[in-house]
Protein backbone atom coordinates (compact mmCIF):
# COMPACT_ATOMS: atom_id res chain seq x y z
CA ASP A 1 -2.67 -14.25 -9.81
CA TRP A 2 -2.02 -12.76 -6.38
CA ARG A 3 -4.77 -13.56 -3.85
CA ILE A 4 -6.33 -10.87 -1.67
CA ARG A 5 -6.07 -11.84 1.99
CA ILE A 6 -7.04 -8.64 3.81
CA VAL A 7 -8.91 -5.65 2.41
CA GLY A 8 -10.23 -2.57 4.16
CA SER A 9 -13.64 -0.99 4.06
CA LEU A 10 -12.43 1.85 1.82
CA VAL A 11 -12.14 -0.59 -1.08
CA THR A 12 -15.00 -2.96 -0.21
CA ASP A 13 -17.41 -0.03 0.20
CA HIS A 14 -16.42 1.30 -3.23
CA VAL A 15 -16.56 -2.12 -4.91
CA GLY A 16 -19.71 -3.16 -3.10
CA GLN A 17 -18.52 -6.64 -2.17
CA GLU A 18 -15.95 -8.51 -0.09
CA LEU A 19 -12.73 -9.14 -2.03
CA ARG A 20 -10.95 -11.49 0.37
CA GLY A 21 -9.96 -14.67 -1.43
CA THR A 22 -10.35 -13.22 -4.91
CA GLY A 23 -7.50 -12.80 -7.35
CA LEU A 24 -6.10 -9.29 -7.37
CA VAL A 25 -5.83 -9.03 -11.16
CA GLN A 26 -9.36 -10.34 -11.74
CA ASN A 27 -10.71 -7.22 -10.03
CA PHE A 28 -9.49 -5.08 -12.93
CA SER A 29 -10.99 -4.78 -16.40
CA GLU A 30 -9.34 -6.80 -19.16
CA PRO A 31 -7.41 -3.81 -20.62
CA ASP A 32 -5.95 -2.98 -17.17
CA ARG A 33 -4.91 -6.51 -16.18
CA ASP A 34 -1.62 -6.46 -18.10
CA THR A 35 -0.71 -3.11 -16.53
CA VAL A 36 -1.40 -4.45 -13.04
CA ARG A 37 0.52 -7.69 -13.65
CA ALA A 38 3.49 -5.72 -15.04
CA ALA A 39 3.55 -3.35 -12.05
CA LEU A 40 3.44 -6.25 -9.59
CA GLN A 41 6.14 -8.16 -11.47
CA ALA A 42 8.37 -5.08 -11.69
CA ALA A 43 8.05 -4.44 -7.95
CA ALA A 44 8.80 -8.11 -7.23
CA ASP A 45 11.80 -8.17 -9.59
CA ARG A 46 13.23 -4.94 -8.17
CA ARG A 47 12.32 -5.96 -4.62
CA ALA A 48 11.33 -2.32 -4.21
CA PRO A 49 8.09 -0.40 -3.69
CA ASP A 50 6.05 0.78 -6.65
CA LEU A 51 4.06 4.02 -6.33
CA MET A 52 1.61 5.00 -9.05
CA ARG A 53 -1.38 7.21 -9.76
CA ARG A 54 -4.08 5.30 -11.62
CA ILE A 55 -7.35 5.91 -13.37
CA PHE A 56 -9.16 2.85 -14.65
CA HIS A 57 -12.52 1.12 -15.02
CA ASP A 58 -13.19 -2.08 -13.10
CA PRO A 59 -15.03 -5.04 -14.68
CA ARG A 60 -18.37 -3.43 -13.71
CA GLY A 61 -17.44 -0.25 -15.61
CA VAL A 62 -17.01 1.76 -12.39
CA SER A 63 -14.30 4.41 -12.64
CA TRP A 64 -11.55 4.47 -10.05
CA ALA A 65 -8.86 7.07 -9.54
CA TYR A 66 -6.30 6.75 -6.78
CA ILE A 67 -2.69 6.73 -5.70
CA ARG A 68 -1.50 3.27 -4.69
CA LEU A 69 1.70 1.85 -3.26
CA TYR A 70 2.77 -1.79 -3.76
CA LEU A 71 5.16 -3.02 -1.08
CA PRO A 72 6.74 -6.37 -2.01
CA LEU A 73 7.17 -8.73 0.96
CA SER A 74 8.95 -12.03 1.48
CA SER A 75 8.24 -14.74 4.04
CA ASP A 76 11.71 -16.28 3.59
CA GLY A 77 13.71 -13.08 3.01
CA SER A 78 14.69 -13.97 -0.56
CA LYS A 79 11.63 -14.48 -2.78
CA VAL A 80 8.77 -11.98 -3.02
CA ASP A 81 5.67 -14.02 -2.25
CA ARG A 82 3.16 -11.36 -1.21
CA PHE A 83 2.44 -7.64 -1.36
CA ALA A 84 0.98 -5.02 0.90
CA THR A 85 -0.96 -2.46 -1.07
CA VAL A 86 -1.73 0.98 0.31
CA ILE A 87 -4.27 3.34 -1.25
CA ASP A 88 -4.37 7.02 -0.32
CA PRO A 89 -8.01 7.46 0.78
CA ARG A 90 -7.94 11.17 -0.01
CA GLN A 91 -7.34 10.37 -3.68
CA LEU A 92 -9.91 7.62 -4.21
CA ARG A 93 -12.48 8.57 -6.88
CA THR A 94 -10.68 11.78 -7.87
CA PRO A 95 -12.01 12.22 -11.41
CA HIS A 96 -8.81 13.21 -13.22
CA PHE A 97 -5.05 13.21 -12.60
CA GLY A 98 -4.06 14.21 -16.14
CA SER A 99 -2.77 10.76 -17.08
CA ASP A 100 -4.05 7.22 -16.72
CA HIS A 101 -0.76 5.89 -15.35
CA VAL A 102 1.86 8.08 -13.72
CA ARG A 103 4.78 6.39 -12.05
CA MET A 104 6.00 8.41 -9.12
CA ASN A 105 9.56 8.66 -7.85
CA THR A 106 10.13 6.27 -4.94
CA SER A 107 13.91 6.37 -4.89
CA SER A 108 16.52 8.08 -2.71
CA THR A 109 15.07 9.80 0.35
CA GLY A 110 11.90 7.83 0.86
CA ILE A 111 8.64 6.62 -0.49
CA LEU A 112 6.27 9.47 0.38
């Protein structure tokens, strides 16, 4: 599991606790963990950003809706060994996007 090193107040205020040092995947409910692992692995394998809209329930049953961007990073320039994750604060807690998982186009001219 990927470890959380730095997390902003947007997420900690919503979650209600500090997440530094916890495993990223453990912060998702069991049904969502495979989706999160697959998205991280795909971004690492492609060595390319992954942008997605998500609606899910965390282990406490709290609903989340947001747009997030995974940016794979490498300390040695060859192997992805960490990620930066960006969440659009304007989209956090939006009740409905129309789909639980919508992959957004991140190719060609840019990410956003």
